[in-house]
Amino acid sequence: MYDAASAGSALALDTAAAPAPARRTGRTARSPWNRRNPYPATILTNEVLSGPGSAKEVRHIEIDLGDSGITYEVGDGIGIAPLNDPDLVDLLLDRLGAVGDEIIADRKATYTLREALTRRYEIATPSKYLAKVVADRTGDPELTRLVEAGDALALDAWLSGRDVLDLLNIDPALTLTAEELLEELSPLAHREYSISSSPRVHGGTVHITMATVRYTLDGRSRGGVCSTHLADRCAPGDTVSVFITPNKNFRLPADDAPAIMIGPGTGVAPFRAFLHERAAAGATGANWLFFGDQHRACDHLYARELEQFITDGTLDRLDLAFSRDQDHKVYVQDRMREHGAELFSWLEAGARVYVCGDATTMADDVDAALHEIIGECGRMGPDAARDYVDQLRSDNRYLRDVY
């Protein structure tokens, strides 16, 4: 899944006191832990998975579910309630001329300004409402043009990478009170990650495979809200607020059905879970994984585990695409085309196709390759190939978890 904001109440992200045990009714009790009441789970493992020389920082994180009673299935995600970067909070407090212990009150709670900026509001992603206020009060030509044009996509592109401090600093003379600023901010939302563990094998824990987002803009270091929170400020023994986000549209096939899994980069996460689960269940269906990244030496995530899956017969095929290891770039969709005839024969034998990873380019490229393979190997025209893929979707045999 993704490291992106989802709508929800700001107050919902605070861990509440543990609720009373659910009364037994003869049916499975719904978990009391959810978006409004996340579970304070303990970090067990937080280690860098990518190797030296990688352009990316990918982490393997294991989270203890303790006595929460939380259950999940492979294919599900986990919601994590992050805290904002304390350095950015300090910069905002300084910009507002505040110290942080000022009391902020709303209809439900009273809290300090520092707490509000730390755990209740989005400060790394400015809202469009704040953009409009800043445009109105400063008259900045570029921002005013974007706001008045009403082009949401163009405004989103301009805001991308900028934070609330950037907007306030458009005009050093701009003055907003803390209350005025908070009025225009979005609630701090959970971030969601695909689960990379199997409840059969890793009982009582949840694993995630996370790329830490870091970049520099205008001389200031920035980062993904949740990914840097986990990477930099959550050591083993620390707690993090979590809840399960079921994904009923990304489930394993029957034990005897073949599965084709396409997951470059951290998109491999649910497929690690799939393979562990199928091995533990004794599933007889064949498994084929396409995995890719930049360099084999430092970006081959879970290499030893995948090799073991091949050795023990769980993984029947593993096709790798490391784009920067040769003069011309090679991606998973290129490997798909290279083995198109066999891939089509798997489809004809009832295989399900799963895709996980980046939605901006990879998912579309993989989809285009799938259409080409079916058209060429099935000797179909474009319309027939499109109908074939549409039927795969209708039959729940082409499933995507993209972000």
Protein backbone atom coordinates (compact mmCIF):
# COMPACT_ATOMS: atom_id res chain seq x y z
CA MET A 1 0.00 0.00 0.00
CA TYR A 2 1.21 3.77 0.56
CA ASP A 3 2.81 6.42 2.70
CA ALA A 4 0.08 8.99 2.02
CA ALA A 5 -2.49 10.83 4.05
CA SER A 6 -5.99 9.42 4.43
CA ALA A 7 -8.94 11.44 5.69
CA GLY A 8 -9.84 11.19 9.36
CA SER A 9 -10.30 13.11 12.58
CA ALA A 10 -7.18 14.61 14.14
CA LEU A 11 -8.35 13.44 17.53
CA ALA A 12 -8.70 9.90 16.22
CA LEU A 13 -4.94 9.44 16.08
CA ASP A 14 -4.34 9.71 19.80
CA THR A 15 -4.11 6.38 21.57
CA ALA A 16 -7.01 6.10 23.96
CA ALA A 17 -7.25 4.01 27.06
CA ALA A 18 -7.78 0.31 26.46
CA PRO A 19 -11.46 -0.53 26.14
CA ALA A 20 -13.17 -3.13 28.23
CA PRO A 21 -12.99 -6.70 26.84
CA ALA A 22 -15.68 -7.45 24.29
CA ARG A 23 -18.62 -9.49 25.59
CA ARG A 24 -18.73 -12.98 24.08
CA THR A 25 -21.72 -13.42 21.80
CA GLY A 26 -20.91 -16.67 20.03
CA ARG A 27 -19.52 -14.76 17.04
CA THR A 28 -15.99 -13.50 16.51
CA ALA A 29 -15.74 -10.15 18.28
CA ARG A 30 -14.74 -7.19 16.16
CA SER A 31 -11.36 -5.83 17.19
CA PRO A 32 -11.66 -2.77 19.48
CA TRP A 33 -8.49 -1.41 17.86
CA ASN A 34 -9.21 0.78 14.84
CA ARG A 35 -8.53 4.17 13.29
CA ARG A 36 -10.26 5.97 16.14
CA ASN A 37 -8.63 3.79 18.77
CA PRO A 38 -5.25 2.49 17.54
CA TYR A 39 -3.28 -0.05 19.53
CA PRO A 40 -0.01 1.06 21.21
CA ALA A 41 2.24 -1.63 19.71
CA THR A 42 5.90 -2.16 20.52
CA ILE A 43 8.62 -2.01 17.86
CA LEU A 44 10.63 -5.26 17.93
CA THR A 45 12.97 -4.78 14.97
CA ASN A 46 13.89 -1.71 12.93
CA GLU A 47 16.74 -2.41 10.53
CA VAL A 48 17.96 -1.17 7.18
CA LEU A 49 17.25 -3.79 4.53
CA SER A 50 18.93 -2.12 1.56
CA GLY A 51 22.69 -2.53 1.30
CA PRO A 52 25.61 -0.07 1.24
CA GLY A 53 25.64 1.98 -1.94
CA SER A 54 21.88 1.91 -2.45
CA ALA A 55 20.19 5.14 -3.49
CA LYS A 56 17.31 4.14 -1.24
CA GLU A 57 16.85 3.50 2.45
CA VAL A 58 14.51 0.53 2.76
CA ARG A 59 13.73 -0.75 6.24
CA HIS A 60 12.34 -3.99 7.62
CA ILE A 61 10.24 -3.23 10.71
CA GLU A 62 8.61 -5.79 13.00
CA ILE A 63 5.80 -4.72 15.32
CA ASP A 64 4.57 -6.73 18.32
CA LEU A 65 0.79 -7.01 18.56
CA GLY A 66 1.11 -8.15 22.18
CA ASP A 67 -2.15 -9.07 23.89
CA SER A 68 -4.23 -6.87 21.59
CA GLY A 69 -6.08 -9.77 20.00
CA ILE A 70 -5.50 -8.12 16.62
CA THR A 71 -5.63 -10.56 13.70
CA TYR A 72 -4.93 -10.07 10.01
CA GLU A 73 -4.69 -11.93 6.72
CA VAL A 74 -1.97 -11.79 4.09
CA GLY A 75 -2.83 -9.01 1.67
CA ASP A 76 -3.99 -6.70 4.45
CA GLY A 77 -2.37 -3.40 5.35
CA ILE A 78 -1.48 -1.76 8.63
CA GLY A 79 -2.38 1.80 9.50
CA ILE A 80 0.21 3.69 11.52
CA ALA A 81 -0.45 6.99 13.29
CA PRO A 82 2.72 9.08 12.94
CA LEU A 83 4.05 12.09 14.80
CA ASN A 84 5.38 15.12 13.00
CA ASP A 85 9.07 15.94 12.84
CA PRO A 86 9.96 17.81 16.07
CA ASP A 87 12.45 19.99 14.17
CA LEU A 88 9.69 21.23 11.86
CA VAL A 89 7.44 21.78 14.88
CA ASP A 90 10.14 23.96 16.48
CA LEU A 91 10.58 25.96 13.27
CA LEU A 92 6.84 26.57 13.05
CA LEU A 93 6.63 27.62 16.69
CA ASP A 94 9.46 30.09 16.08
CA ARG A 95 7.74 31.40 12.95
CA LEU A 96 4.54 31.94 14.96
CA GLY A 97 6.44 33.62 17.78
CA ALA A 98 5.19 30.93 20.18
CA VAL A 99 6.89 28.72 22.78
CA GLY A 100 4.61 25.70 22.47
CA ASP A 101 2.88 25.59 25.84
CA GLU A 102 0.07 27.87 24.71
CA ILE A 103 -3.29 26.20 25.34
CA ILE A 104 -5.45 25.28 22.35
CA ALA A 105 -9.05 24.22 22.96
CA ASP A 106 -11.69 22.73 20.70
CA ARG A 107 -15.03 21.09 21.32
CA LYS A 108 -13.49 17.79 22.41
CA ALA A 109 -10.19 18.48 24.12
CA THR A 110 -7.67 20.94 25.46
CA TYR A 111 -4.02 20.61 24.51
CA THR A 112 -0.87 22.61 23.98
CA LEU A 113 0.15 24.19 20.70
CA ARG A 114 3.21 21.92 20.55
CA GLU A 115 1.00 18.87 20.96
CA ALA A 116 -1.35 20.13 18.27
CA LEU A 117 1.49 20.62 15.79
CA THR A 118 3.11 17.31 16.74
CA ARG A 119 0.22 14.87 16.68
CA ARG A 120 -2.98 16.50 15.49
CA TYR A 121 -2.40 18.42 12.26
CA GLU A 122 -0.67 17.94 8.91
CA ILE A 123 2.27 20.35 8.79
CA ALA A 124 4.41 18.60 6.17
CA THR A 125 1.59 18.80 3.61
CA PRO A 126 -0.12 22.19 3.36
CA SER A 127 -3.84 22.20 2.72
CA LYS A 128 -5.43 24.03 -0.20
CA TYR A 129 -7.28 26.11 2.37
CA LEU A 130 -3.99 27.40 3.77
CA ALA A 131 -2.74 28.06 0.24
CA LYS A 132 -5.79 30.24 -0.42
CA VAL A 133 -5.34 32.17 2.84
CA VAL A 134 -1.67 32.80 2.12
CA ALA A 135 -2.45 33.85 -1.45
CA ASP A 136 -5.18 36.26 -0.27
CA ARG A 137 -3.01 37.82 2.43
CA THR A 138 0.29 38.06 0.58
CA GLY A 139 -0.80 38.56 -3.03
CA ASP A 140 2.08 36.32 -4.12
CA PRO A 141 1.73 36.26 -7.94
CA GLU A 142 2.50 32.59 -8.55
CA LEU A 143 0.40 31.20 -5.71
CA THR A 144 -2.45 33.62 -6.42
CA ARG A 145 -2.51 32.58 -10.08
CA LEU A 146 -2.67 28.89 -9.12
CA VAL A 147 -5.41 29.40 -6.53
CA GLU A 148 -7.55 31.58 -8.79
CA ALA A 149 -7.16 29.22 -11.76
CA GLY A 150 -9.02 26.52 -9.83
CA ASP A 151 -6.73 23.84 -11.28
CA ALA A 152 -6.47 21.38 -8.40
CA LEU A 153 -3.83 19.23 -10.12
CA ALA A 154 -1.58 22.22 -10.83
CA LEU A 155 -1.92 23.44 -7.25
CA ASP A 156 -1.17 19.94 -5.92
CA ALA A 157 1.96 19.80 -8.07
CA TRP A 158 3.12 23.18 -6.73
CA LEU A 159 2.44 22.19 -3.12
CA SER A 160 4.19 18.83 -3.53
CA GLY A 161 7.39 18.77 -1.50
CA ARG A 162 6.56 22.03 0.28
CA ASP A 163 5.45 22.21 3.90
CA VAL A 164 3.46 24.66 5.99
CA LEU A 165 6.57 26.64 6.91
CA ASP A 166 7.33 27.19 3.22
CA LEU A 167 3.91 28.79 2.70
CA LEU A 168 4.26 31.04 5.74
CA ASN A 169 7.70 32.11 4.54
CA ILE A 170 6.43 33.23 1.13
CA ASP A 171 6.15 36.62 2.79
CA PRO A 172 8.19 37.21 5.96
CA ALA A 173 5.74 39.98 6.88
CA LEU A 174 2.79 37.53 6.92
CA THR A 175 1.39 37.14 10.42
CA LEU A 176 -1.03 34.41 11.48
CA THR A 177 -2.07 33.56 15.00
CA ALA A 178 -1.78 29.93 16.07
CA GLU A 179 -5.56 29.61 16.02
CA GLU A 180 -5.77 31.07 12.51
CA LEU A 181 -3.14 28.64 11.26
CA LEU A 182 -4.69 25.55 12.85
CA GLU A 183 -8.06 26.53 11.38
CA GLU A 184 -6.62 26.01 7.87
CA LEU A 185 -4.69 22.76 8.47
CA SER A 186 -5.87 19.23 7.72
CA PRO A 187 -6.01 16.62 10.50
CA LEU A 188 -2.89 14.47 10.78
CA ALA A 189 -3.89 11.17 9.19
CA HIS A 190 -2.58 7.65 9.46
CA ARG A 191 -0.28 6.20 6.81
CA GLU A 192 -0.84 2.72 5.45
CA TYR A 193 1.68 0.02 4.57
CA SER A 194 1.30 -3.41 2.99
CA ILE A 195 1.94 -6.15 5.51
CA SER A 196 4.94 -8.31 4.58
CA SER A 197 4.42 -11.05 7.18
CA SER A 198 2.26 -14.17 7.44
CA PRO A 199 0.10 -14.77 10.54
CA ARG A 200 0.84 -18.51 10.22
CA VAL A 201 4.59 -17.92 10.36
CA HIS A 202 5.02 -14.65 12.22
CA GLY A 203 2.17 -15.00 14.70
CA GLY A 204 1.59 -12.08 17.03
CA THR A 205 3.63 -9.67 14.92
CA VAL A 206 3.26 -7.53 11.82
CA HIS A 207 6.17 -6.83 9.46
CA ILE A 208 6.41 -3.93 7.03
CA THR A 209 8.90 -3.16 4.25
CA MET A 210 9.24 0.61 4.14
CA ALA A 211 11.13 3.04 1.93
CA THR A 212 12.22 6.06 3.94
CA VAL A 213 11.39 9.24 2.05
CA ARG A 214 14.13 11.90 2.35
CA TYR A 215 14.90 14.94 0.21
CA THR A 216 16.30 18.46 0.44
CA LEU A 217 14.49 21.58 -0.74
CA ASP A 218 15.59 25.19 -0.33
CA GLY A 219 18.48 24.10 1.87
CA ARG A 220 16.26 22.28 4.36
CA SER A 221 16.12 18.51 4.89
CA ARG A 222 12.62 17.08 4.46
CA GLY A 223 11.08 13.63 4.68
CA GLY A 224 7.96 11.51 4.63
CA VAL A 225 6.00 12.09 7.83
CA CYS A 226 5.56 8.46 8.82
CA SER A 227 8.64 6.97 7.19
CA THR A 228 11.07 9.34 8.93
CA HIS A 229 9.13 9.02 12.19
CA LEU A 230 9.61 5.26 12.08
CA ALA A 231 13.16 5.35 10.74
CA ASP A 232 14.56 8.08 12.96
CA ARG A 233 12.46 8.14 16.11
CA CYS A 234 11.15 4.60 16.69
CA ALA A 235 13.80 2.26 18.09
CA PRO A 236 13.11 -1.28 19.32
CA GLY A 237 11.16 -0.99 22.54
CA ASP A 238 9.34 2.19 21.50
CA THR A 239 5.61 2.16 20.85
CA VAL A 240 3.65 3.17 17.78
CA SER A 241 -0.12 3.41 17.34
CA VAL A 242 -1.46 0.87 14.82
CA PHE A 243 -4.58 -0.79 13.45
CA ILE A 244 -5.25 -3.27 10.65
CA THR A 245 -6.71 -2.09 7.35
CA PRO A 246 -8.28 -5.15 5.67
CA ASN A 247 -7.82 -5.56 1.93
CA LYS A 248 -10.37 -8.16 0.86
CA ASN A 249 -9.59 -7.50 -2.81
CA PHE A 250 -5.99 -8.72 -2.51
CA ARG A 251 -6.29 -12.25 -1.20
CA LEU A 252 -4.43 -15.45 -2.02
CA PRO A 253 -6.01 -17.85 -4.51
CA ALA A 254 -7.05 -21.40 -3.65
CA ASP A 255 -4.14 -23.55 -2.49
CA ASP A 256 -3.99 -25.39 -5.80
CA ALA A 257 -4.14 -22.28 -8.02
CA PRO A 258 -1.01 -20.74 -9.55
CA ALA A 259 -0.04 -17.16 -8.68
CA ILE A 260 1.97 -14.63 -10.69
CA MET A 261 3.28 -11.86 -8.44
CA ILE A 262 4.77 -8.62 -9.80
CA GLY A 263 6.32 -6.43 -7.12
CA PRO A 264 9.36 -4.23 -7.79
CA GLY A 265 10.96 -2.37 -4.89
CA THR A 266 8.91 -2.34 -1.72
CA GLY A 267 6.08 -3.76 -3.81
CA VAL A 268 7.55 -7.15 -2.89
CA ALA A 269 6.13 -6.72 0.63
CA PRO A 270 2.80 -8.58 0.30
CA PHE A 271 4.43 -11.27 -1.83
CA ARG A 272 6.91 -12.09 0.91
CA ALA A 273 3.79 -12.62 3.05
CA PHE A 274 2.12 -14.67 0.30
CA LEU A 275 5.10 -17.00 -0.06
CA HIS A 276 5.49 -17.56 3.67
CA GLU A 277 1.76 -18.24 3.97
CA ARG A 278 1.61 -20.64 1.03
CA ALA A 279 4.66 -22.54 2.26
CA ALA A 280 3.20 -22.90 5.76
CA ALA A 281 -0.19 -23.96 4.37
CA GLY A 282 1.36 -26.58 2.09
CA ALA A 283 -0.28 -24.96 -0.93
CA THR A 284 0.38 -26.86 -4.14
CA GLY A 285 -0.25 -24.01 -6.59
CA ALA A 286 2.81 -22.79 -8.49
CA ASN A 287 4.30 -19.37 -7.67
CA TRP A 288 6.10 -16.97 -10.01
CA LEU A 289 7.61 -13.72 -8.75
CA PHE A 290 8.85 -10.77 -10.80
CA PHE A 291 11.01 -8.48 -8.69
CA GLY A 292 13.14 -5.51 -9.69
CA ASP A 293 15.03 -2.52 -8.39
CA GLN A 294 18.15 -0.53 -9.27
CA HIS A 295 21.17 -2.68 -8.30
CA ARG A 296 21.33 -6.35 -7.43
CA ALA A 297 24.24 -5.85 -5.01
CA CYS A 298 22.36 -3.49 -2.70
CA ASP A 299 18.66 -3.54 -3.66
CA HIS A 300 17.82 -7.25 -3.83
CA LEU A 301 15.35 -7.17 -0.95
CA TYR A 302 14.90 -10.43 0.99
CA ALA A 303 17.37 -12.17 -1.35
CA ARG A 304 18.18 -15.00 1.06
CA GLU A 305 14.54 -15.68 1.82
CA LEU A 306 13.65 -15.78 -1.86
CA GLU A 307 16.54 -18.14 -2.55
CA GLN A 308 15.27 -20.40 0.25
CA PHE A 309 11.79 -20.35 -1.24
CA ILE A 310 13.29 -21.56 -4.50
CA THR A 311 15.27 -24.27 -2.72
CA ASP A 312 12.28 -25.61 -0.81
CA GLY A 313 10.05 -25.54 -3.90
CA THR A 314 7.66 -22.81 -2.80
CA LEU A 315 8.82 -20.39 -5.49
CA ASP A 316 8.79 -22.01 -8.91
CA ARG A 317 10.11 -19.02 -10.87
CA LEU A 318 11.93 -15.84 -9.91
CA ASP A 319 12.63 -13.29 -12.62
CA LEU A 320 14.76 -10.30 -11.64
CA ALA A 321 15.19 -6.91 -13.27
CA PHE A 322 17.89 -4.58 -11.93
CA SER A 323 17.59 -1.47 -14.03
CA ARG A 324 21.01 0.12 -13.39
CA ASP A 325 23.19 -3.00 -13.67
CA GLN A 326 23.62 -2.66 -17.45
CA ASP A 327 23.79 0.10 -20.04
CA HIS A 328 20.12 -0.15 -20.95
CA LYS A 329 17.51 -0.11 -18.22
CA VAL A 330 15.57 -3.31 -17.63
CA TYR A 331 12.30 -3.37 -15.69
CA VAL A 332 9.86 -6.05 -14.55
CA GLN A 333 7.62 -5.43 -17.56
CA ASP A 334 10.61 -6.23 -19.81
CA ARG A 335 11.06 -9.58 -18.05
CA MET A 336 7.35 -10.22 -18.49
CA ARG A 337 7.65 -9.70 -22.23
CA GLU A 338 10.75 -11.93 -22.41
CA HIS A 339 8.74 -14.79 -20.93
CA GLY A 340 5.40 -13.83 -22.45
CA ALA A 341 4.56 -17.24 -23.91
CA GLU A 342 4.99 -18.98 -20.57
CA LEU A 343 3.16 -16.23 -18.72
CA PHE A 344 0.22 -16.60 -21.08
CA SER A 345 0.22 -20.36 -20.56
CA TRP A 346 -0.01 -19.77 -16.80
CA LEU A 347 -2.99 -17.50 -17.39
CA GLU A 348 -4.64 -20.15 -19.53
CA ALA A 349 -4.06 -22.60 -16.67
CA GLY A 350 -5.98 -20.37 -14.27
CA ALA A 351 -3.23 -18.28 -12.67
CA ARG A 352 -4.03 -15.11 -10.77
CA VAL A 353 -1.93 -12.01 -11.45
CA TYR A 354 -1.02 -9.73 -8.55
CA VAL A 355 0.66 -6.33 -8.91
CA CYS A 356 1.95 -4.23 -6.03
CA GLY A 357 3.95 -1.01 -6.04
CA ASP A 358 4.14 2.41 -7.63
CA ALA A 359 0.96 3.56 -9.34
CA THR A 360 2.46 6.50 -11.21
CA THR A 361 4.38 4.54 -13.86
CA MET A 362 5.07 0.93 -12.94
CA ALA A 363 1.46 -0.23 -12.67
CA ASP A 364 0.53 1.26 -16.05
CA ASP A 365 3.66 -0.17 -17.69
CA VAL A 366 2.92 -3.62 -16.30
CA ASP A 367 -0.70 -3.35 -17.45
CA ALA A 368 0.42 -2.39 -20.96
CA ALA A 369 2.86 -5.34 -21.05
CA LEU A 370 0.12 -7.72 -19.93
CA HIS A 371 -2.17 -6.55 -22.74
CA GLU A 372 0.66 -6.93 -25.28
CA ILE A 373 1.54 -10.44 -24.10
CA ILE A 374 -2.06 -11.60 -24.22
CA GLY A 375 -2.56 -10.08 -27.67
CA GLU A 376 0.61 -11.57 -29.12
CA CYS A 377 0.62 -14.98 -27.45
CA GLY A 378 -3.13 -15.41 -27.64
CA ARG A 379 -3.15 -14.18 -31.25
CA MET A 380 -5.74 -11.57 -30.43
CA GLY A 381 -6.33 -8.06 -31.64
CA PRO A 382 -6.26 -5.12 -29.20
CA ASP A 383 -10.00 -5.29 -28.50
CA ALA A 384 -9.94 -9.01 -27.77
CA ALA A 385 -6.88 -8.63 -25.54
CA ARG A 386 -8.65 -5.87 -23.65
CA ASP A 387 -11.69 -8.11 -23.21
CA TYR A 388 -9.43 -10.91 -21.93
CA VAL A 389 -7.89 -8.61 -19.29
CA ASP A 390 -11.32 -7.26 -18.35
CA GLN A 391 -12.48 -10.84 -17.81
CA LEU A 392 -9.45 -11.49 -15.60
CA ARG A 393 -10.52 -8.52 -13.50
CA SER A 394 -14.13 -9.67 -13.37
CA ASP A 395 -13.00 -13.12 -12.24
CA ASN A 396 -10.76 -11.59 -9.54
CA ARG A 397 -7.72 -12.96 -11.31
CA TYR A 398 -5.99 -9.61 -11.93
CA LEU A 399 -5.56 -7.83 -8.61
CA ARG A 400 -3.59 -4.67 -7.89
CA ASP A 401 -2.43 -2.97 -4.70
CA VAL A 402 -0.80 0.19 -6.01
CA TYR A 403 0.02 3.51 -4.40
